N, C-alpha and C. Protein backbone atom coordinates (compact mmCIF):
# COMPACT_ATOMS: atom_id res chain seq x y z
N MET A 1 15.81 -24.86 -0.51
CA MET A 1 17.14 -25.28 -0.32
C MET A 1 17.14 -24.77 1.88
N GLN A 2 17.44 -25.54 2.62
CA GLN A 2 18.00 -25.18 3.80
C GLN A 2 19.17 -24.70 3.93
N ALA A 3 19.14 -23.76 4.23
CA ALA A 3 20.11 -22.84 4.52
C ALA A 3 20.70 -22.49 6.20
N VAL A 4 21.85 -21.98 6.11
CA VAL A 4 22.17 -21.63 7.48
C VAL A 4 23.09 -20.16 7.38
N ALA A 5 22.84 -19.37 7.96
CA ALA A 5 23.43 -18.02 7.85
C ALA A 5 24.67 -17.75 9.07
N ILE A 6 26.15 -17.95 9.15
CA ILE A 6 26.92 -17.92 10.16
C ILE A 6 27.97 -16.85 10.45
N ASP A 7 27.96 -16.16 12.01
CA ASP A 7 28.77 -14.76 11.74
C ASP A 7 29.94 -15.25 12.69
N PHE A 8 31.03 -14.73 13.02
CA PHE A 8 31.95 -14.98 14.05
C PHE A 8 32.35 -13.22 14.12
N GLU A 9 32.79 -13.50 15.74
CA GLU A 9 33.38 -12.64 16.34
C GLU A 9 34.78 -12.80 16.97
N THR A 10 35.51 -12.12 17.00
CA THR A 10 37.08 -12.69 17.37
C THR A 10 37.56 -11.74 18.19
N ALA A 11 38.15 -12.38 19.01
CA ALA A 11 38.87 -11.50 19.88
C ALA A 11 40.50 -10.56 19.64
N ASN A 12 41.15 -11.37 18.61
CA ASN A 12 41.94 -10.86 18.36
C ASN A 12 42.19 -11.11 17.15
N GLU A 13 43.47 -10.41 16.05
CA GLU A 13 43.66 -10.86 14.27
C GLU A 13 43.79 -12.38 13.75
N SER A 14 44.18 -13.27 15.38
CA SER A 14 44.34 -14.92 14.50
C SER A 14 42.90 -15.15 14.37
N ARG A 15 42.76 -16.40 13.17
CA ARG A 15 41.59 -16.94 12.90
C ARG A 15 41.15 -17.69 13.63
N THR A 16 42.02 -17.77 14.81
CA THR A 16 41.88 -19.21 15.86
C THR A 16 41.29 -18.42 16.87
N SER A 17 40.82 -17.39 16.74
CA SER A 17 40.37 -16.71 18.19
C SER A 17 39.06 -16.40 18.14
N ALA A 18 38.36 -17.11 17.41
CA ALA A 18 36.50 -16.77 17.68
C ALA A 18 35.87 -16.52 19.24
N CYS A 19 35.22 -15.54 19.52
CA CYS A 19 34.83 -15.43 20.81
C CYS A 19 32.96 -15.03 21.00
N SER A 20 32.83 -15.48 19.53
CA SER A 20 31.21 -15.55 19.61
C SER A 20 30.47 -16.04 17.96
N ILE A 21 30.10 -16.90 17.84
CA ILE A 21 29.29 -17.15 16.75
C ILE A 21 27.79 -17.24 16.77
N GLY A 22 27.31 -16.42 15.82
CA GLY A 22 25.51 -16.59 15.27
C GLY A 22 25.71 -17.21 14.55
N VAL A 23 24.23 -17.96 14.49
CA VAL A 23 23.91 -19.03 13.81
C VAL A 23 22.40 -18.93 13.17
N ALA A 24 22.01 -18.36 12.08
CA ALA A 24 20.61 -18.11 12.03
C ALA A 24 20.12 -19.30 10.80
N TRP A 25 18.91 -20.15 10.92
CA TRP A 25 18.37 -21.16 10.30
C TRP A 25 17.56 -20.77 9.37
N ILE A 26 17.76 -21.33 8.35
CA ILE A 26 16.88 -20.61 7.14
C ILE A 26 16.21 -22.12 6.29
N GLU A 27 14.68 -22.05 6.94
CA GLU A 27 13.81 -23.24 6.07
C GLU A 27 12.64 -22.50 5.70
N ASP A 28 12.22 -23.27 4.17
CA ASP A 28 11.24 -22.45 3.36
C ASP A 28 11.04 -21.23 3.54
N GLY A 29 11.91 -20.76 3.02
CA GLY A 29 12.25 -19.08 2.93
C GLY A 29 12.49 -18.32 3.59
N ARG A 30 12.45 -18.55 4.76
CA ARG A 30 12.26 -17.54 6.26
C ARG A 30 13.40 -18.13 7.14
N VAL A 31 13.63 -16.80 8.10
CA VAL A 31 14.75 -17.36 8.62
C VAL A 31 13.97 -18.13 10.12
N VAL A 32 13.96 -19.23 10.49
CA VAL A 32 13.39 -20.30 11.49
C VAL A 32 13.96 -19.92 13.17
N GLU A 33 14.64 -19.67 13.10
CA GLU A 33 15.78 -19.78 14.46
C GLU A 33 17.42 -18.78 14.69
N THR A 34 17.35 -18.16 15.51
CA THR A 34 18.37 -17.64 15.45
C THR A 34 19.39 -18.06 16.59
N GLU A 35 20.69 -18.28 16.66
CA GLU A 35 21.37 -18.51 18.53
C GLU A 35 22.37 -18.02 18.06
N GLU A 36 22.85 -17.61 19.21
CA GLU A 36 24.27 -16.65 19.37
C GLU A 36 24.92 -17.47 20.93
N HIS A 37 26.25 -17.77 20.69
CA HIS A 37 26.72 -18.26 21.79
C HIS A 37 28.01 -17.81 21.95
N LEU A 38 28.51 -17.68 22.83
CA LEU A 38 30.08 -17.09 23.30
C LEU A 38 31.15 -18.17 23.40
N ILE A 39 31.90 -17.90 23.26
CA ILE A 39 33.29 -19.01 23.02
C ILE A 39 34.35 -18.60 23.64
N ARG A 40 34.98 -19.35 24.36
CA ARG A 40 36.59 -19.26 25.02
C ARG A 40 37.24 -19.20 24.38
N PRO A 41 38.24 -18.20 23.57
CA PRO A 41 39.55 -18.61 22.79
C PRO A 41 40.30 -19.47 23.46
N ARG A 42 41.25 -20.39 23.15
CA ARG A 42 42.26 -20.80 23.41
C ARG A 42 43.13 -19.91 24.07
N GLU A 43 43.35 -19.23 23.51
CA GLU A 43 44.38 -17.80 23.85
C GLU A 43 43.52 -16.64 24.27
N MET A 44 43.40 -16.23 25.29
CA MET A 44 42.80 -15.17 26.09
C MET A 44 43.14 -13.87 25.44
N ARG A 45 43.32 -13.92 24.66
CA ARG A 45 44.00 -12.43 24.35
C ARG A 45 42.80 -11.35 23.69
N PHE A 46 42.36 -10.52 24.39
CA PHE A 46 41.90 -9.69 23.46
C PHE A 46 42.16 -8.43 23.15
N ASN A 47 42.08 -7.99 21.84
CA ASN A 47 42.87 -7.23 20.91
C ASN A 47 42.00 -5.85 21.56
N PRO A 48 42.50 -4.47 21.79
CA PRO A 48 41.80 -3.46 22.00
C PRO A 48 40.55 -2.93 20.48
N PHE A 49 41.19 -3.40 19.28
CA PHE A 49 40.29 -3.08 18.42
C PHE A 49 39.37 -3.67 18.34
N ASN A 50 39.71 -5.10 18.34
CA ASN A 50 38.38 -6.31 17.95
C ASN A 50 37.54 -5.54 19.37
N THR A 51 37.52 -5.35 20.50
CA THR A 51 36.89 -4.90 21.59
C THR A 51 35.91 -3.90 21.06
N ALA A 52 36.56 -2.75 20.87
CA ALA A 52 36.14 -1.41 20.08
C ALA A 52 34.69 -1.91 19.49
N VAL A 53 35.13 -3.04 18.23
CA VAL A 53 34.15 -3.18 17.50
C VAL A 53 32.73 -4.19 17.94
N HIS A 54 32.96 -4.87 18.97
CA HIS A 54 32.50 -6.22 19.33
C HIS A 54 31.84 -5.81 20.33
N GLY A 55 32.65 -5.47 21.51
CA GLY A 55 32.35 -5.46 22.88
C GLY A 55 33.24 -6.13 24.07
N LEU A 56 33.00 -7.15 23.28
CA LEU A 56 33.72 -8.01 24.15
C LEU A 56 34.92 -8.46 24.91
N ARG A 57 34.66 -8.82 25.73
CA ARG A 57 36.20 -8.64 26.64
C ARG A 57 36.55 -10.26 27.27
N ALA A 58 37.89 -10.32 27.61
CA ALA A 58 38.19 -11.65 28.01
C ALA A 58 37.22 -12.00 29.47
N GLU A 59 36.97 -10.80 30.49
CA GLU A 59 35.79 -11.41 31.23
C GLU A 59 34.78 -11.80 30.66
N ASP A 60 34.29 -11.13 29.81
CA ASP A 60 33.10 -11.56 29.38
C ASP A 60 32.59 -13.03 28.97
N VAL A 61 33.79 -13.70 28.31
CA VAL A 61 33.63 -15.00 27.70
C VAL A 61 34.38 -16.27 28.70
N ALA A 62 35.05 -15.70 29.90
CA ALA A 62 35.58 -16.26 30.70
C ALA A 62 35.22 -17.69 31.25
N GLY A 63 33.80 -18.17 31.61
CA GLY A 63 33.32 -18.48 31.78
C GLY A 63 32.35 -19.27 30.41
N ALA A 64 32.80 -19.09 29.33
CA ALA A 64 32.18 -20.46 28.25
C ALA A 64 32.97 -21.05 28.12
N PRO A 65 32.27 -21.99 27.11
CA PRO A 65 32.78 -22.96 26.49
C PRO A 65 33.46 -22.75 25.44
N GLU A 66 34.83 -23.89 25.62
CA GLU A 66 35.77 -23.42 24.31
C GLU A 66 35.15 -23.71 22.89
N PHE A 67 35.34 -23.73 21.32
CA PHE A 67 34.79 -23.83 20.32
C PHE A 67 34.39 -25.37 20.53
N PRO A 68 34.89 -26.42 20.54
CA PRO A 68 34.37 -27.82 20.32
C PRO A 68 33.69 -27.95 21.13
N GLU A 69 32.90 -27.53 22.09
CA GLU A 69 31.82 -27.93 22.44
C GLU A 69 30.65 -27.13 21.94
N VAL A 70 30.79 -26.09 21.68
CA VAL A 70 29.94 -24.88 20.94
C VAL A 70 29.25 -25.43 19.31
N TRP A 71 30.63 -25.78 19.01
CA TRP A 71 30.48 -26.44 17.69
C TRP A 71 29.54 -27.45 17.12
N HIS A 72 29.98 -28.57 18.18
CA HIS A 72 29.11 -29.95 18.24
C HIS A 72 27.61 -29.68 18.65
N ARG A 73 27.31 -28.98 19.04
CA ARG A 73 25.59 -28.55 19.75
C ARG A 73 24.78 -28.06 17.98
N PHE A 74 25.84 -27.83 16.86
CA PHE A 74 25.13 -27.95 15.71
C PHE A 74 25.71 -28.22 14.42
N ALA A 75 26.98 -28.99 14.56
CA ALA A 75 27.77 -29.32 13.50
C ALA A 75 27.01 -30.28 12.45
N ARG A 76 26.21 -31.18 13.44
CA ARG A 76 25.63 -32.53 12.28
C ARG A 76 24.15 -31.83 11.86
N ARG A 77 23.70 -30.81 12.01
CA ARG A 77 22.71 -29.85 11.25
C ARG A 77 23.00 -28.96 10.61
N LEU A 78 24.04 -28.61 10.36
CA LEU A 78 24.30 -27.73 9.14
C LEU A 78 24.89 -28.50 8.13
N GLU A 79 25.16 -29.81 8.45
CA GLU A 79 26.00 -30.65 7.02
C GLU A 79 24.91 -30.77 6.01
N GLY A 80 25.31 -30.34 4.77
CA GLY A 80 24.70 -30.50 3.43
C GLY A 80 23.37 -29.18 3.59
N ARG A 81 23.70 -28.04 4.03
CA ARG A 81 23.04 -26.76 4.39
C ARG A 81 24.12 -25.84 3.20
N LEU A 82 23.15 -25.38 2.71
CA LEU A 82 24.15 -23.79 2.13
C LEU A 82 24.56 -23.35 3.15
N VAL A 83 25.87 -22.26 3.30
CA VAL A 83 25.95 -21.60 4.55
C VAL A 83 26.02 -20.04 3.65
N LEU A 84 25.91 -19.43 4.17
CA LEU A 84 25.75 -18.13 3.78
C LEU A 84 26.61 -17.11 5.12
N ALA A 85 27.46 -16.43 4.58
CA ALA A 85 28.28 -15.45 5.40
C ALA A 85 28.18 -14.34 4.49
N HIS A 86 28.38 -13.07 5.46
CA HIS A 86 28.55 -11.55 4.58
C HIS A 86 29.97 -11.45 4.82
N ASN A 87 30.89 -11.56 4.05
CA ASN A 87 32.16 -11.57 3.36
C ASN A 87 32.39 -12.73 4.21
N ALA A 88 32.03 -13.97 3.06
CA ALA A 88 32.50 -15.18 3.61
C ALA A 88 33.83 -15.88 3.48
N SER A 89 34.91 -15.28 3.07
CA SER A 89 36.12 -14.96 2.89
C SER A 89 36.44 -15.09 4.63
N PHE A 90 36.27 -14.12 5.34
CA PHE A 90 36.22 -14.24 6.57
C PHE A 90 36.01 -15.02 7.57
N ASP A 91 34.57 -15.02 7.60
CA ASP A 91 34.06 -16.44 8.55
C ASP A 91 34.30 -17.77 7.99
N ILE A 92 34.54 -18.26 6.93
CA ILE A 92 35.06 -19.32 6.57
C ILE A 92 36.28 -19.43 6.78
N SER A 93 37.11 -18.83 6.70
CA SER A 93 38.28 -19.01 7.11
C SER A 93 38.50 -19.09 8.72
N VAL A 94 37.60 -18.33 9.79
CA VAL A 94 37.86 -18.67 10.87
C VAL A 94 37.63 -20.17 11.05
N LEU A 95 36.30 -20.14 10.22
CA LEU A 95 36.07 -22.07 11.21
C LEU A 95 36.66 -22.67 10.47
N ARG A 96 37.20 -22.64 9.32
CA ARG A 96 38.34 -23.85 8.76
C ARG A 96 39.71 -23.87 9.85
N HIS A 97 40.43 -22.43 10.30
CA HIS A 97 41.80 -22.80 11.19
C HIS A 97 41.43 -22.74 12.30
N THR A 98 39.90 -22.54 13.26
CA THR A 98 39.46 -22.83 14.25
C THR A 98 39.26 -24.47 14.68
N LEU A 99 38.72 -25.24 13.16
CA LEU A 99 38.28 -26.27 13.43
C LEU A 99 39.79 -27.22 13.56
N ASP A 100 40.83 -26.45 12.74
CA ASP A 100 41.83 -27.37 12.30
C ASP A 100 42.85 -27.03 13.69
N ASP A 101 42.29 -25.93 14.46
CA ASP A 101 43.23 -25.72 15.76
C ASP A 101 42.92 -26.93 16.87
N TYR A 102 41.74 -27.08 16.72
CA TYR A 102 41.03 -28.44 17.81
C TYR A 102 41.30 -29.81 17.04
N GLY A 103 41.82 -29.78 16.10
CA GLY A 103 42.09 -31.26 14.96
C GLY A 103 40.63 -31.79 14.82
N LEU A 104 39.78 -31.01 14.54
CA LEU A 104 38.04 -31.38 14.09
C LEU A 104 37.77 -31.34 12.62
N ALA A 105 37.16 -32.12 12.05
CA ALA A 105 36.92 -32.21 10.67
C ALA A 105 36.17 -31.62 10.34
N TRP A 106 36.58 -30.81 8.97
CA TRP A 106 35.68 -29.80 8.07
C TRP A 106 34.46 -30.09 8.00
N PRO A 107 33.39 -29.58 7.88
CA PRO A 107 32.00 -30.20 7.07
C PRO A 107 31.65 -30.34 5.86
N ALA A 108 30.96 -30.89 5.26
CA ALA A 108 30.67 -30.90 3.60
C ALA A 108 29.67 -30.39 3.49
N CYS A 109 29.95 -28.63 2.70
CA CYS A 109 28.63 -27.74 2.53
C CYS A 109 29.20 -26.93 1.20
N SER A 110 28.29 -26.52 0.79
CA SER A 110 28.64 -25.43 -0.07
C SER A 110 28.06 -24.16 0.56
N TYR A 111 28.93 -22.83 0.05
CA TYR A 111 28.76 -21.55 0.88
C TYR A 111 28.75 -20.12 -0.24
N LEU A 112 27.60 -19.57 0.32
CA LEU A 112 27.60 -18.22 -0.48
C LEU A 112 28.13 -16.82 0.17
N CYS A 113 28.71 -16.43 -0.26
CA CYS A 113 29.18 -15.00 0.41
C CYS A 113 28.30 -13.94 -0.07
N THR A 114 27.60 -13.56 0.64
CA THR A 114 26.46 -12.20 0.46
C THR A 114 26.76 -11.15 0.35
N VAL A 115 27.92 -10.84 0.45
CA VAL A 115 28.65 -9.53 -0.67
C VAL A 115 28.51 -9.79 -1.61
N VAL A 116 29.10 -10.70 -2.28
CA VAL A 116 29.15 -10.82 -3.70
C VAL A 116 27.49 -11.33 -4.71
N LEU A 117 26.69 -11.83 -3.60
CA LEU A 117 25.55 -11.84 -3.90
C LEU A 117 24.75 -10.51 -4.17
N ALA A 118 25.02 -9.78 -2.91
CA ALA A 118 24.33 -8.50 -2.92
C ALA A 118 24.83 -7.50 -4.38
N ARG A 119 25.66 -7.57 -4.12
CA ARG A 119 26.40 -6.87 -5.50
C ARG A 119 25.98 -7.16 -6.68
N LYS A 120 25.31 -8.16 -7.27
CA LYS A 120 24.44 -8.91 -7.97
C LYS A 120 23.01 -8.12 -7.91
N ALA A 121 22.61 -8.12 -6.58
CA ALA A 121 21.00 -7.72 -6.59
C ALA A 121 20.65 -6.40 -6.48
N TRP A 122 21.84 -5.94 -6.41
CA TRP A 122 22.36 -4.25 -6.31
C TRP A 122 22.98 -3.63 -6.32
N PRO A 123 23.43 -3.46 -7.25
CA PRO A 123 24.27 -3.27 -7.97
C PRO A 123 24.38 -1.82 -7.91
N GLN A 124 23.32 -0.89 -8.15
CA GLN A 124 23.08 0.85 -7.92
C GLN A 124 23.47 1.12 -6.43
N LEU A 125 24.02 0.44 -5.47
CA LEU A 125 24.20 0.70 -3.98
C LEU A 125 25.40 1.12 -4.08
N ALA A 126 26.16 2.12 -3.21
CA ALA A 126 27.48 2.52 -2.96
C ALA A 126 28.13 1.77 -2.41
N ALA A 127 27.59 0.87 -1.67
CA ALA A 127 28.11 -0.05 -0.82
C ALA A 127 27.36 -1.13 -0.48
N HIS A 128 27.72 -2.40 -0.19
CA HIS A 128 27.24 -3.79 0.36
C HIS A 128 27.65 -4.02 1.47
N LYS A 129 28.11 -3.44 2.99
CA LYS A 129 28.41 -3.55 3.65
C LYS A 129 27.19 -4.03 4.68
N LEU A 130 27.35 -5.21 5.53
CA LEU A 130 26.19 -5.38 6.22
C LEU A 130 24.80 -4.26 7.18
N ASN A 131 25.42 -3.41 7.81
CA ASN A 131 24.77 -2.18 8.25
C ASN A 131 24.52 -1.62 6.99
N TYR A 132 24.72 -1.16 5.99
CA TYR A 132 24.25 -0.42 5.02
C TYR A 132 23.26 -1.44 4.27
N LEU A 133 23.11 -2.24 4.06
CA LEU A 133 22.19 -3.37 3.52
C LEU A 133 21.27 -3.20 4.01
N ALA A 134 21.24 -3.40 5.79
CA ALA A 134 20.24 -3.63 6.28
C ALA A 134 19.92 -2.37 6.55
N ASP A 135 20.43 -1.40 6.55
CA ASP A 135 19.51 0.08 6.33
C ASP A 135 18.35 0.09 5.45
N HIS A 136 19.29 -0.28 4.32
CA HIS A 136 18.45 -0.11 2.60
C HIS A 136 17.32 -1.13 2.85
N LEU A 137 17.57 -2.11 3.21
CA LEU A 137 16.16 -3.02 2.95
C LEU A 137 15.20 -3.21 4.62
N GLY A 138 15.64 -2.43 5.66
CA GLY A 138 14.44 -2.13 6.67
C GLY A 138 14.84 -3.50 7.78
N ILE A 139 16.26 -3.92 7.47
CA ILE A 139 16.27 -4.95 8.59
C ILE A 139 16.98 -4.67 9.78
N ALA A 140 16.39 -5.22 11.07
CA ALA A 140 16.90 -4.98 12.49
C ALA A 140 18.13 -4.99 12.86
N LEU A 141 19.00 -4.33 12.48
CA LEU A 141 20.72 -5.16 13.04
C LEU A 141 21.30 -4.23 14.47
N ASP A 142 21.92 -4.99 15.34
CA ASP A 142 22.39 -4.76 16.31
C ASP A 142 23.76 -5.04 15.96
N HIS A 143 24.54 -4.30 15.28
CA HIS A 143 25.88 -4.56 14.36
C HIS A 143 26.63 -5.15 15.36
N HIS A 144 27.58 -6.19 14.89
CA HIS A 144 28.48 -6.88 15.59
C HIS A 144 27.99 -7.36 16.82
N ARG A 145 26.78 -7.89 16.88
CA ARG A 145 26.68 -9.16 18.02
C ARG A 145 26.09 -10.58 16.75
N ALA A 146 27.15 -11.44 17.30
CA ALA A 146 27.15 -12.35 16.13
C ALA A 146 25.45 -12.53 15.70
N GLY A 147 24.94 -13.35 17.13
CA GLY A 147 23.64 -13.55 16.01
C GLY A 147 22.32 -12.59 14.98
N SER A 148 22.73 -11.39 15.36
CA SER A 148 22.03 -10.44 14.69
C SER A 148 22.81 -10.57 13.60
N ASP A 149 23.74 -10.19 13.63
CA ASP A 149 24.64 -9.82 11.98
C ASP A 149 24.27 -11.32 11.06
N ALA A 150 24.30 -12.29 11.94
CA ALA A 150 23.81 -13.90 10.93
C ALA A 150 22.65 -13.73 10.78
N GLU A 151 21.69 -13.19 11.38
CA GLU A 151 20.20 -13.40 10.95
C GLU A 151 20.19 -12.22 9.53
N ALA A 152 20.77 -11.03 10.31
CA ALA A 152 20.54 -9.91 8.60
C ALA A 152 21.26 -10.79 7.83
N CYS A 153 22.20 -11.17 7.67
CA CYS A 153 22.86 -11.77 6.40
C CYS A 153 21.90 -12.87 5.85
N GLY A 154 21.41 -13.68 6.54
CA GLY A 154 20.25 -14.61 6.21
C GLY A 154 18.82 -13.43 5.52
N ARG A 155 18.84 -12.86 6.15
CA ARG A 155 17.35 -11.94 5.60
C ARG A 155 18.00 -11.30 4.34
N ILE A 156 19.40 -10.84 4.16
CA ILE A 156 19.43 -10.13 2.70
C ILE A 156 19.67 -11.02 1.63
N ALA A 157 20.17 -12.18 1.94
CA ALA A 157 19.98 -13.78 1.05
C ALA A 157 18.77 -13.79 0.47
N LEU A 158 17.67 -13.46 1.49
CA LEU A 158 16.70 -13.93 0.99
C LEU A 158 15.65 -12.87 0.34
N ALA A 159 16.27 -11.74 0.65
CA ALA A 159 15.59 -10.31 -0.05
C ALA A 159 16.18 -10.20 -1.75
N ALA A 160 17.70 -10.83 -1.49
CA ALA A 160 18.21 -10.86 -2.86
C ALA A 160 17.42 -11.20 -4.12
N THR A 161 17.37 -12.91 -3.02
CA THR A 161 16.55 -13.97 -4.04
C THR A 161 14.99 -13.37 -4.66
N HIS A 162 14.46 -12.71 -4.12
CA HIS A 162 13.15 -11.73 -4.67
C HIS A 162 13.59 -10.61 -5.56
N VAL A 163 14.44 -9.87 -5.17
CA VAL A 163 14.98 -8.67 -5.99
C VAL A 163 15.10 -9.38 -7.31
N LEU A 164 15.88 -10.83 -7.98
CA LEU A 164 16.73 -11.11 -8.69
C LEU A 164 15.30 -12.14 -9.30
N GLY A 165 14.34 -12.11 -9.04
CA GLY A 165 13.08 -12.48 -9.37
C GLY A 165 13.14 -14.39 -9.23
N LEU A 166 13.62 -14.98 -8.27
CA LEU A 166 13.98 -16.15 -7.97
C LEU A 166 13.05 -16.60 -6.86
N GLU A 167 12.71 -17.86 -7.21
CA GLU A 167 11.99 -18.61 -6.01
C GLU A 167 12.91 -19.13 -4.85
N ARG A 168 13.99 -19.75 -5.25
CA ARG A 168 14.61 -20.32 -4.05
C ARG A 168 16.32 -19.81 -4.18
N LEU A 169 16.77 -20.16 -2.84
CA LEU A 169 18.31 -19.75 -2.78
C LEU A 169 19.10 -20.60 -3.66
N ALA A 170 18.48 -21.70 -3.99
CA ALA A 170 19.22 -22.99 -4.93
C ALA A 170 19.31 -22.12 -6.13
N ASP A 171 18.43 -21.28 -6.57
CA ASP A 171 18.26 -20.87 -7.74
C ASP A 171 19.34 -20.19 -8.45
N ILE A 172 20.42 -19.57 -6.98
CA ILE A 172 20.98 -18.15 -7.24
C ILE A 172 21.91 -18.45 -7.98
N ALA A 173 23.14 -19.68 -7.86
CA ALA A 173 24.33 -19.81 -8.34
C ALA A 173 23.77 -19.76 -10.12
N ALA A 174 22.77 -20.83 -10.54
CA ALA A 174 22.53 -20.57 -11.74
C ALA A 174 22.05 -19.33 -12.38
N ALA A 175 21.44 -18.58 -11.55
CA ALA A 175 21.15 -17.13 -12.37
C ALA A 175 22.06 -16.11 -11.99
N THR A 176 22.89 -16.40 -11.38
CA THR A 176 24.09 -15.00 -11.20
C THR A 176 25.36 -15.13 -11.82
N GLY A 177 25.53 -16.70 -11.93
CA GLY A 177 26.77 -16.88 -12.58
C GLY A 177 28.15 -17.16 -11.25
N ILE A 178 27.71 -16.77 -10.46
CA ILE A 178 28.23 -17.20 -9.01
C ILE A 178 28.58 -18.11 -8.88
N THR A 179 29.49 -18.53 -8.49
CA THR A 179 30.29 -20.33 -8.18
C THR A 179 30.57 -20.23 -6.79
N LEU A 180 29.58 -21.22 -6.39
CA LEU A 180 29.76 -21.26 -4.97
C LEU A 180 30.72 -21.67 -4.31
N GLY A 181 31.30 -21.33 -3.48
CA GLY A 181 32.00 -21.62 -2.21
C GLY A 181 32.02 -23.45 -2.12
N GLN A 182 32.96 -24.21 -1.79
CA GLN A 182 32.75 -25.48 -1.02
C GLN A 182 33.83 -25.82 -0.04
N LEU A 183 33.40 -26.78 0.61
CA LEU A 183 34.14 -26.78 1.90
C LEU A 183 33.66 -28.47 2.23
N THR A 184 34.89 -29.30 2.25
CA THR A 184 34.96 -30.58 2.38
C THR A 184 35.95 -30.53 3.39
N PRO A 185 35.84 -32.05 3.75
CA PRO A 185 36.75 -32.63 5.03
C PRO A 185 38.19 -32.71 4.16
N GLY A 186 38.57 -32.65 2.72
CA GLY A 186 39.44 -32.60 2.56
C GLY A 186 40.59 -31.56 1.57
N GLY A 187 39.12 -30.45 1.43
CA GLY A 187 40.07 -29.15 1.20
C GLY A 187 38.90 -28.12 1.28
N TYR A 188 39.29 -26.82 0.23
CA TYR A 188 37.67 -25.97 -0.01
C TYR A 188 37.98 -24.96 -1.47
N SER A 189 37.14 -24.25 -1.60
CA SER A 189 37.03 -23.53 -2.77
C SER A 189 36.45 -22.32 -2.68
N PRO A 190 37.02 -21.26 -2.93
CA PRO A 190 36.55 -19.81 -2.56
C PRO A 190 34.94 -19.97 -3.30
N CYS A 191 33.95 -18.83 -2.97
CA CYS A 191 32.80 -18.22 -3.45
C CYS A 191 33.58 -17.50 -4.10
N LYS A 192 33.19 -17.12 -5.59
CA LYS A 192 33.41 -16.39 -6.65
C LYS A 192 32.20 -15.75 -7.40
N GLY A 193 32.03 -14.28 -8.03
CA GLY A 193 31.12 -13.75 -8.71
C GLY A 193 31.64 -14.01 -9.74
N GLY A 194 30.23 -14.33 -10.64
CA GLY A 194 30.63 -14.28 -11.73
C GLY A 194 29.73 -13.23 -13.11
N ASN A 195 29.24 -13.62 -13.96
CA ASN A 195 28.96 -12.78 -14.77
C ASN A 195 27.35 -11.93 -14.46
N PRO A 196 26.95 -10.36 -14.75
CA PRO A 196 25.91 -9.89 -14.13
C PRO A 196 24.28 -10.54 -14.69
N PRO A 197 23.64 -10.44 -13.45
CA PRO A 197 22.57 -11.66 -13.63
C PRO A 197 21.52 -10.96 -14.71
N ARG A 198 20.43 -11.66 -15.25
CA ARG A 198 19.54 -11.49 -15.89
C ARG A 198 18.59 -11.51 -15.12
N ARG A 199 17.75 -10.42 -15.01
CA ARG A 199 17.02 -10.10 -13.90
C ARG A 199 15.64 -10.45 -14.86
N ARG A 200 15.03 -11.45 -14.32
CA ARG A 200 13.54 -11.61 -14.89
C ARG A 200 12.47 -10.69 -14.59
N LYS A 201 12.19 -10.24 -13.42
CA LYS A 201 11.37 -9.25 -12.67
C LYS A 201 12.03 -8.45 -11.73
N LEU A 202 10.93 -7.36 -10.97
CA LEU A 202 11.77 -6.79 -9.67
C LEU A 202 10.19 -7.37 -8.71
N VAL A 203 10.49 -7.51 -7.94
CA VAL A 203 9.67 -7.72 -6.53
C VAL A 203 10.07 -6.75 -5.24
N PRO A 204 9.04 -6.25 -4.92
CA PRO A 204 9.43 -5.26 -3.71
C PRO A 204 9.68 -5.94 -2.98
N VAL A 205 10.58 -5.69 -1.93
CA VAL A 205 11.01 -6.07 -0.60
C VAL A 205 9.91 -5.80 0.40
N VAL A 206 9.13 -6.49 1.28
CA VAL A 206 8.45 -5.84 2.34
C VAL A 206 9.22 -6.70 3.63
């Protein structure tokens, strides 16, 4: 299954204030390409709290394109792929609200929250935050850089398939009981966790 991991950073508390997006394309069981794009929000209001998290300020994105121009660069390529996001309720909400804000159609895709997946794959861990998992798995991470976060999200999903004894991302839902989220031009449904997975084998992560 082809997949894509996404990550948004926002300028303030509004879900329509995306100021950066990271996109990591996954094919044949590996991350093949990672993109990061700055976005100029419609409202150029940067909350000091958000800036403290990701380091971006209004002057950093003043010359960047607004969301529609960035979105059109890869929207068609995203169609039909499994979308991965760490804490997908946030990233998918940013996507939905920003598309609505610009009057753009929602894509048709399934999506998987890698927090939900990580809890299935590594139930023994005390936390399942992106930076905690990246450290546990030895994944390089420049946290809150959207491109780095997206790539780490994709690599976590691939590592989880190995830990769960699966060969493909496409097998995750059936093996774990996770209900994939759905996004369509007509609406959406959230990703939900299911019953604990039945582990077939353990494969070391390298």
